């Protein structure tokens, strides 16, 4: 293990951390490492989803904003 430090947390946060432990002897260090890993994975997935959404916007506009659809609305 590398250098360690002390951080101050509200009692409510400590209680929340206790609630989400995967097993009773899991250290807060292990728990926080796991939480950071999960957060990074979710963030990466969201960036990918946003990228796909931006790519799809142009095609969806092309498909939805066309003369044929407007003609049906006015029929």
PDB file of N, CA and C in Angstrom:
ATOM      1  N   UNK A   1       0.843  -1.174   0.000  1.00  0.00           N
ATOM      2  CA  UNK A   1       0.000   0.000   0.000  1.00  0.00           C
ATOM      3  C   UNK A   1       0.887   1.235   0.000  1.00  0.00           C
ATOM      4  N   UNK A   2       0.459   2.265  -0.697  1.00  0.00           N
ATOM      5  CA  UNK A   2       1.219   3.496  -0.780  1.00  0.00           C
ATOM      6  C   UNK A   2       1.030   4.350   0.451  1.00  0.00           C
ATOM      7  N   UNK A   3       1.284   5.618   0.297  1.00  0.00           N
ATOM      8  CA  UNK A   3       1.113   6.542   1.407  1.00  0.00           C
ATOM      9  C   UNK A   3      -0.367   6.625   1.767  1.00  0.00           C
ATOM     10  N   UNK A   4      -0.650   6.822   3.026  1.00  0.00           N
ATOM     11  CA  UNK A   4      -2.032   6.965   3.465  1.00  0.00           C
ATOM     12  C   UNK A   4      -2.257   8.372   3.979  1.00  0.00           C
ATOM     13  N   UNK A   5      -3.503   8.770   3.982  1.00  0.00           N
ATOM     14  CA  UNK A   5      -3.872  10.087   4.462  1.00  0.00           C
ATOM     15  C   UNK A   5      -5.161   9.971   5.257  1.00  0.00           C
ATOM     16  N   UNK A   6      -5.480  10.992   5.968  1.00  0.00           N
ATOM     17  CA  UNK A   6      -6.716  11.036   6.741  1.00  0.00           C
ATOM     18  C   UNK A   6      -7.635  12.056   6.090  1.00  0.00           C
ATOM     19  N   UNK A   7      -8.889  11.654   5.879  1.00  0.00           N
ATOM     20  CA  UNK A   7      -9.878  12.591   5.348  1.00  0.00           C
ATOM     21  C   UNK A   7     -11.029  12.691   6.339  1.00  0.00           C
ATOM     22  N   UNK A   8     -11.675  13.830   6.358  1.00  0.00           N
ATOM     23  CA  UNK A   8     -12.805  14.021   7.256  1.00  0.00           C
ATOM     24  C   UNK A   8     -14.096  13.824   6.478  1.00  0.00           C
ATOM     25  N   UNK A   9     -14.975  13.008   7.034  1.00  0.00           N
ATOM     26  CA  UNK A   9     -16.266  12.735   6.411  1.00  0.00           C
ATOM     27  C   UNK A   9     -17.366  12.966   7.437  1.00  0.00           C
ATOM     28  N   UNK A  10     -18.506  13.438   6.960  1.00  0.00           N
ATOM     29  CA  UNK A  10     -19.671  13.544   7.831  1.00  0.00           C
ATOM     30  C   UNK A  10     -20.085  12.155   8.282  1.00  0.00           C
ATOM     31  N   UNK A  11     -20.666  12.079   9.463  1.00  0.00           N
ATOM     32  CA  UNK A  11     -21.135  10.779   9.980  1.00  0.00           C
ATOM     33  C   UNK A  11     -22.156  10.161   9.032  1.00  0.00           C
ATOM     34  N   UNK A  12     -22.955  10.991   8.365  1.00  0.00           N
ATOM     35  CA  UNK A  12     -23.960  10.453   7.441  1.00  0.00           C
ATOM     36  C   UNK A  12     -23.289   9.730   6.279  1.00  0.00           C
ATOM     37  N   UNK A  13     -22.181  10.267   5.793  1.00  0.00           N
ATOM     38  CA  UNK A  13     -21.451   9.628   4.702  1.00  0.00           C
ATOM     39  C   UNK A  13     -20.847   8.312   5.165  1.00  0.00           C
ATOM     40  N   UNK A  14     -20.289   8.295   6.357  1.00  0.00           N
ATOM     41  CA  UNK A  14     -19.715   7.071   6.900  1.00  0.00           C
ATOM     42  C   UNK A  14     -20.803   6.003   7.029  1.00  0.00           C
ATOM     43  N   UNK A  15     -21.976   6.391   7.481  1.00  0.00           N
ATOM     44  CA  UNK A  15     -23.081   5.433   7.604  1.00  0.00           C
ATOM     45  C   UNK A  15     -23.523   4.918   6.237  1.00  0.00           C
ATOM     46  N   UNK A  16     -23.544   5.797   5.236  1.00  0.00           N
ATOM     47  CA  UNK A  16     -23.888   5.360   3.882  1.00  0.00           C
ATOM     48  C   UNK A  16     -22.845   4.381   3.347  1.00  0.00           C
ATOM     49  N   UNK A  17     -21.577   4.663   3.605  1.00  0.00           N
ATOM     50  CA  UNK A  17     -20.514   3.752   3.167  1.00  0.00           C
ATOM     51  C   UNK A  17     -20.667   2.388   3.842  1.00  0.00           C
ATOM     52  N   UNK A  18     -21.013   2.387   5.120  1.00  0.00           N
ATOM     53  CA  UNK A  18     -21.223   1.117   5.829  1.00  0.00           C
ATOM     54  C   UNK A  18     -22.352   0.321   5.189  1.00  0.00           C
ATOM     55  N   UNK A  19     -23.403   1.017   4.754  1.00  0.00           N
ATOM     56  CA  UNK A  19     -24.562   0.349   4.155  1.00  0.00           C
ATOM     57  C   UNK A  19     -24.234  -0.320   2.824  1.00  0.00           C
ATOM     58  N   UNK A  20     -23.307   0.255   2.063  1.00  0.00           N
ATOM     59  CA  UNK A  20     -23.050  -0.267   0.718  1.00  0.00           C
ATOM     60  C   UNK A  20     -21.846  -1.204   0.639  1.00  0.00           C
ATOM     61  N   UNK A  21     -21.260  -1.517   1.770  1.00  0.00           N
ATOM     62  CA  UNK A  21     -20.154  -2.475   1.761  1.00  0.00           C
ATOM     63  C   UNK A  21     -20.616  -3.792   1.160  1.00  0.00           C
ATOM     64  N   UNK A  22     -19.743  -4.409   0.369  1.00  0.00           N
ATOM     65  CA  UNK A  22     -20.066  -5.693  -0.258  1.00  0.00           C
ATOM     66  C   UNK A  22     -19.907  -6.845   0.726  1.00  0.00           C
ATOM     67  N   UNK A  23     -19.042  -6.686   1.691  1.00  0.00           N
ATOM     68  CA  UNK A  23     -18.847  -7.688   2.741  1.00  0.00           C
ATOM     69  C   UNK A  23     -18.380  -6.945   4.001  1.00  0.00           C
ATOM     70  N   UNK A  24     -18.636  -7.504   5.184  1.00  0.00           N
ATOM     71  CA  UNK A  24     -18.387  -6.781   6.438  1.00  0.00           C
ATOM     72  C   UNK A  24     -16.957  -6.279   6.643  1.00  0.00           C
ATOM     73  N   UNK A  25     -15.970  -7.036   6.209  1.00  0.00           N
ATOM     74  CA  UNK A  25     -14.583  -6.637   6.461  1.00  0.00           C
ATOM     75  C   UNK A  25     -13.981  -5.796   5.328  1.00  0.00           C
ATOM     76  N   UNK A  26     -14.794  -5.389   4.389  1.00  0.00           N
ATOM     77  CA  UNK A  26     -14.305  -4.549   3.290  1.00  0.00           C
ATOM     78  C   UNK A  26     -13.862  -3.199   3.851  1.00  0.00           C
ATOM     79  N   UNK A  27     -12.684  -2.763   3.470  1.00  0.00           N
ATOM     80  CA  UNK A  27     -12.174  -1.483   3.968  1.00  0.00           C
ATOM     81  C   UNK A  27     -12.809  -0.345   3.172  1.00  0.00           C
ATOM     82  N   UNK A  28     -12.794   0.828   3.787  1.00  0.00           N
ATOM     83  CA  UNK A  28     -13.319   2.001   3.077  1.00  0.00           C
ATOM     84  C   UNK A  28     -12.471   2.291   1.839  1.00  0.00           C
ATOM     85  N   UNK A  29     -11.181   2.026   1.920  1.00  0.00           N
ATOM     86  CA  UNK A  29     -10.297   2.223   0.778  1.00  0.00           C
ATOM     87  C   UNK A  29     -10.727   1.342  -0.394  1.00  0.00           C
ATOM     88  N   UNK A  30     -10.993   0.053  -0.121  1.00  0.00           N
ATOM     89  CA  UNK A  30     -11.456  -0.865  -1.167  1.00  0.00           C
ATOM     90  C   UNK A  30     -12.803  -0.421  -1.725  1.00  0.00           C
ATOM     91  N   UNK A  31     -13.677  -0.007  -0.829  1.00  0.00           N
ATOM     92  CA  UNK A  31     -15.007   0.418  -1.238  1.00  0.00           C
ATOM     93  C   UNK A  31     -14.938   1.653  -2.141  1.00  0.00           C
ATOM     94  N   UNK A  32     -14.151   2.616  -1.756  1.00  0.00           N
ATOM     95  CA  UNK A  32     -14.030   3.846  -2.551  1.00  0.00           C
ATOM     96  C   UNK A  32     -13.354   3.557  -3.891  1.00  0.00           C
ATOM     97  N   UNK A  33     -12.353   2.684  -3.904  1.00  0.00           N
ATOM     98  CA  UNK A  33     -11.730   2.294  -5.172  1.00  0.00           C
ATOM     99  C   UNK A  33     -12.768   1.679  -6.110  1.00  0.00           C
ATOM    100  N   UNK A  34     -13.590   0.800  -5.567  1.00  0.00           N
ATOM    101  CA  UNK A  34     -14.640   0.165  -6.366  1.00  0.00           C
ATOM    102  C   UNK A  34     -15.639   1.209  -6.880  1.00  0.00           C
ATOM    103  N   UNK A  35     -16.020   2.136  -6.030  1.00  0.00           N
ATOM    104  CA  UNK A  35     -16.973   3.176  -6.422  1.00  0.00           C
ATOM    105  C   UNK A  35     -16.399   4.057  -7.537  1.00  0.00           C
ATOM    106  N   UNK A  36     -15.127   4.378  -7.441  1.00  0.00           N
ATOM    107  CA  UNK A  36     -14.477   5.190  -8.476  1.00  0.00           C
ATOM    108  C   UNK A  36     -14.449   4.421  -9.797  1.00  0.00           C
ATOM    109  N   UNK A  37     -14.140   3.134  -9.735  1.00  0.00           N
ATOM    110  CA  UNK A  37     -14.118   2.302 -10.941  1.00  0.00           C
ATOM    111  C   UNK A  37     -15.502   2.278 -11.601  1.00  0.00           C
ATOM    112  N   UNK A  38     -16.533   2.089 -10.808  1.00  0.00           N
ATOM    113  CA  UNK A  38     -17.900   2.057 -11.335  1.00  0.00           C
ATOM    114  C   UNK A  38     -18.254   3.415 -11.944  1.00  0.00           C
ATOM    115  N   UNK A  39     -17.913   4.488 -11.264  1.00  0.00           N
ATOM    116  CA  UNK A  39     -18.198   5.833 -11.759  1.00  0.00           C
ATOM    117  C   UNK A  39     -17.516   6.089 -13.104  1.00  0.00           C
ATOM    118  N   UNK A  40     -16.249   5.704 -13.211  1.00  0.00           N
ATOM    119  CA  UNK A  40     -15.522   5.897 -14.470  1.00  0.00           C
ATOM    120  C   UNK A  40     -16.158   5.092 -15.605  1.00  0.00           C
ATOM    121  N   UNK A  41     -16.575   3.871 -15.318  1.00  0.00           N
ATOM    122  CA  UNK A  41     -17.215   3.029 -16.338  1.00  0.00           C
ATOM    123  C   UNK A  41     -18.513   3.651 -16.825  1.00  0.00           C
ATOM    124  N   UNK A  42     -19.304   4.150 -15.894  1.00  0.00           N
ATOM    125  CA  UNK A  42     -20.581   4.777 -16.252  1.00  0.00           C
ATOM    126  C   UNK A  42     -20.328   6.049 -17.057  1.00  0.00           C
ATOM    127  N   UNK A  43     -19.354   6.823 -16.641  1.00  0.00           N
ATOM    128  CA  UNK A  43     -19.033   8.063 -17.347  1.00  0.00           C
ATOM    129  C   UNK A  43     -18.588   7.768 -18.781  1.00  0.00           C
ATOM    130  N   UNK A  44     -17.758   6.738 -18.957  1.00  0.00           N
ATOM    131  CA  UNK A  44     -17.295   6.364 -20.285  1.00  0.00           C
ATOM    132  C   UNK A  44     -18.469   5.916 -21.154  1.00  0.00           C
ATOM    133  N   UNK A  45     -19.376   5.134 -20.584  1.00  0.00           N
ATOM    134  CA  UNK A  45     -20.551   4.657 -21.316  1.00  0.00           C
ATOM    135  C   UNK A  45     -21.435   5.835 -21.723  1.00  0.00           C
ATOM    136  N   UNK A  46     -21.620   6.794 -20.818  1.00  0.00           N
ATOM    137  CA  UNK A  46     -22.436   7.968 -21.136  1.00  0.00           C
ATOM    138  C   UNK A  46     -21.815   8.790 -22.259  1.00  0.00           C
ATOM    139  N   UNK A  47     -20.495   8.897 -22.275  1.00  0.00           N
ATOM    140  CA  UNK A  47     -19.832   9.625 -23.355  1.00  0.00           C
ATOM    141  C   UNK A  47     -20.080   8.921 -24.686  1.00  0.00           C
ATOM    142  N   UNK A  48     -20.046   7.593 -24.686  1.00  0.00           N
ATOM    143  CA  UNK A  48     -20.304   6.822 -25.899  1.00  0.00           C
ATOM    144  C   UNK A  48     -21.745   7.025 -26.356  1.00  0.00           C
ATOM    145  N   UNK A  49     -22.686   6.988 -25.417  1.00  0.00           N
ATOM    146  CA  UNK A  49     -24.097   7.199 -25.749  1.00  0.00           C
ATOM    147  C   UNK A  49     -24.330   8.594 -26.331  1.00  0.00           C
ATOM    148  N   UNK A  50     -23.689   9.599 -25.746  1.00  0.00           N
ATOM    149  CA  UNK A  50     -23.817  10.965 -26.262  1.00  0.00           C
ATOM    150  C   UNK A  50     -23.237  11.065 -27.666  1.00  0.00           C
ATOM    151  N   UNK A  51     -22.112  10.401 -27.905  1.00  0.00           N
ATOM    152  CA  UNK A  51     -21.493  10.390 -29.229  1.00  0.00           C
ATOM    153  C   UNK A  51     -22.448   9.789 -30.258  1.00  0.00           C
ATOM    154  N   UNK A  52     -23.041   8.636 -29.925  1.00  0.00           N
ATOM    155  CA  UNK A  52     -23.996   8.006 -30.848  1.00  0.00           C
ATOM    156  C   UNK A  52     -25.204   8.899 -31.093  1.00  0.00           C
ATOM    157  N   UNK A  53     -25.678   9.532 -30.058  1.00  0.00           N
ATOM    158  CA  UNK A  53     -26.835  10.410 -30.197  1.00  0.00           C
ATOM    159  C   UNK A  53     -26.533  11.564 -31.165  1.00  0.00           C
ATOM    160  N   UNK A  54     -25.361  12.155 -31.041  1.00  0.00           N
ATOM    161  CA  UNK A  54     -24.990  13.263 -31.930  1.00  0.00           C
ATOM    162  C   UNK A  54     -24.891  12.797 -33.379  1.00  0.00           C
ATOM    163  N   UNK A  55     -24.333  11.609 -33.578  1.00  0.00           N
ATOM    164  CA  UNK A  55     -24.221  11.068 -34.936  1.00  0.00           C
ATOM    165  C   UNK A  55     -25.612  10.822 -35.521  1.00  0.00           C
ATOM    166  N   UNK A  56     -26.509  10.313 -34.713  1.00  0.00           N
ATOM    167  CA  UNK A  56     -27.845   9.965 -35.192  1.00  0.00           C
ATOM    168  C   UNK A  56     -28.715  11.181 -35.451  1.00  0.00           C
ATOM    169  N   UNK A  57     -28.440  12.309 -34.819  1.00  0.00           N
ATOM    170  CA  UNK A  57     -29.280  13.492 -34.961  1.00  0.00           C
ATOM    171  C   UNK A  57     -29.422  13.926 -36.415  1.00  0.00           C
ATOM    172  N   UNK A  58     -28.326  13.961 -37.147  1.00  0.00           N
ATOM    173  CA  UNK A  58     -28.383  14.410 -38.544  1.00  0.00           C
ATOM    174  C   UNK A  58     -29.256  13.478 -39.378  1.00  0.00           C
ATOM    175  N   UNK A  59     -29.107  12.174 -39.196  1.00  0.00           N
ATOM    176  CA  UNK A  59     -29.896  11.214 -39.968  1.00  0.00           C
ATOM    177  C   UNK A  59     -31.375  11.293 -39.584  1.00  0.00           C
ATOM    178  N   UNK A  60     -31.664  11.449 -38.313  1.00  0.00           N
ATOM    179  CA  UNK A  60     -33.056  11.550 -37.870  1.00  0.00           C
ATOM    180  C   UNK A  60     -33.701  12.818 -38.428  1.00  0.00           C
ATOM    181  N   UNK A  61     -32.953  13.911 -38.448  1.00  0.00           N
ATOM    182  CA  UNK A  61     -33.488  15.149 -39.020  1.00  0.00           C
ATOM    183  C   UNK A  61     -33.791  14.945 -40.499  1.00  0.00           C
ATOM    184  N   UNK A  62     -32.900  14.262 -41.195  1.00  0.00           N
ATOM    185  CA  UNK A  62     -33.098  13.968 -42.615  1.00  0.00           C
ATOM    186  C   UNK A  62     -34.357  13.115 -42.821  1.00  0.00           C
ATOM    187  N   UNK A  63     -34.550  12.127 -41.964  1.00  0.00           N
ATOM    188  CA  UNK A  63     -35.702  11.237 -42.107  1.00  0.00           C
ATOM    189  C   UNK A  63     -37.013  11.908 -41.721  1.00  0.00           C
ATOM    190  N   UNK A  64     -37.000  12.732 -40.702  1.00  0.00           N
ATOM    191  CA  UNK A  64     -38.240  13.309 -40.190  1.00  0.00           C
ATOM    192  C   UNK A  64     -38.612  14.623 -40.860  1.00  0.00           C
ATOM    193  N   UNK A  65     -37.654  15.412 -41.229  1.00  0.00           N
ATOM    194  CA  UNK A  65     -37.929  16.713 -41.846  1.00  0.00           C
ATOM    195  C   UNK A  65     -37.853  16.586 -43.365  1.00  0.00           C
ATOM    196  N   UNK A  66     -38.908  16.055 -43.950  1.00  0.00           N
ATOM    197  CA  UNK A  66     -38.905  15.910 -45.400  1.00  0.00           C
ATOM    198  C   UNK A  66     -40.268  16.286 -45.956  1.00  0.00           C
ATOM    199  N   UNK A  67     -40.291  16.556 -47.225  1.00  0.00           N
ATOM    200  CA  UNK A  67     -41.489  17.042 -47.911  1.00  0.00           C
ATOM    201  C   UNK A  67     -42.626  16.018 -47.872  1.00  0.00           C
ATOM    202  N   UNK A  68     -42.310  14.745 -48.012  1.00  0.00           N
ATOM    203  CA  UNK A  68     -43.346  13.715 -48.028  1.00  0.00           C
ATOM    204  C   UNK A  68     -44.152  13.702 -46.729  1.00  0.00           C
ATOM    205  N   UNK A  69     -43.478  13.851 -45.604  1.00  0.00           N
ATOM    206  CA  UNK A  69     -44.183  13.874 -44.327  1.00  0.00           C
ATOM    207  C   UNK A  69     -45.082  15.104 -44.226  1.00  0.00           C
ATOM    208  N   UNK A  70     -44.603  16.240 -44.699  1.00  0.00           N
ATOM    209  CA  UNK A  70     -45.425  17.448 -44.660  1.00  0.00           C
ATOM    210  C   UNK A  70     -46.653  17.310 -45.540  1.00  0.00           C
ATOM    211  N   UNK A  71     -46.523  16.633 -46.681  1.00  0.00           N
ATOM    212  CA  UNK A  71     -47.676  16.424 -47.561  1.00  0.00           C
ATOM    213  C   UNK A  71     -48.738  15.582 -46.863  1.00  0.00           C
ATOM    214  N   UNK A  72     -48.343  14.558 -46.099  1.00  0.00           N
ATOM    215  CA  UNK A  72     -49.296  13.715 -45.384  1.00  0.00           C
ATOM    216  C   UNK A  72     -50.014  14.499 -44.309  1.00  0.00           C
ATOM    217  N   UNK A  73     -49.304  15.414 -43.665  1.00  0.00           N
ATOM    218  CA  UNK A  73     -49.929  16.219 -42.607  1.00  0.00           C
ATOM    219  C   UNK A  73     -50.989  17.143 -43.176  1.00  0.00           C
ATOM    220  N   UNK A  74     -50.815  17.586 -44.403  1.00  0.00           N
ATOM    221  CA  UNK A  74     -51.759  18.525 -45.023  1.00  0.00           C
ATOM    222  C   UNK A  74     -52.837  17.836 -45.834  1.00  0.00           C
ATOM    223  N   UNK A  75     -52.845  16.520 -45.891  1.00  0.00           N
ATOM    224  CA  UNK A  75     -53.836  15.794 -46.704  1.00  0.00           C
ATOM    225  C   UNK A  75     -55.185  15.789 -46.044  1.00  0.00           C
TER     226      UNK A  75
END
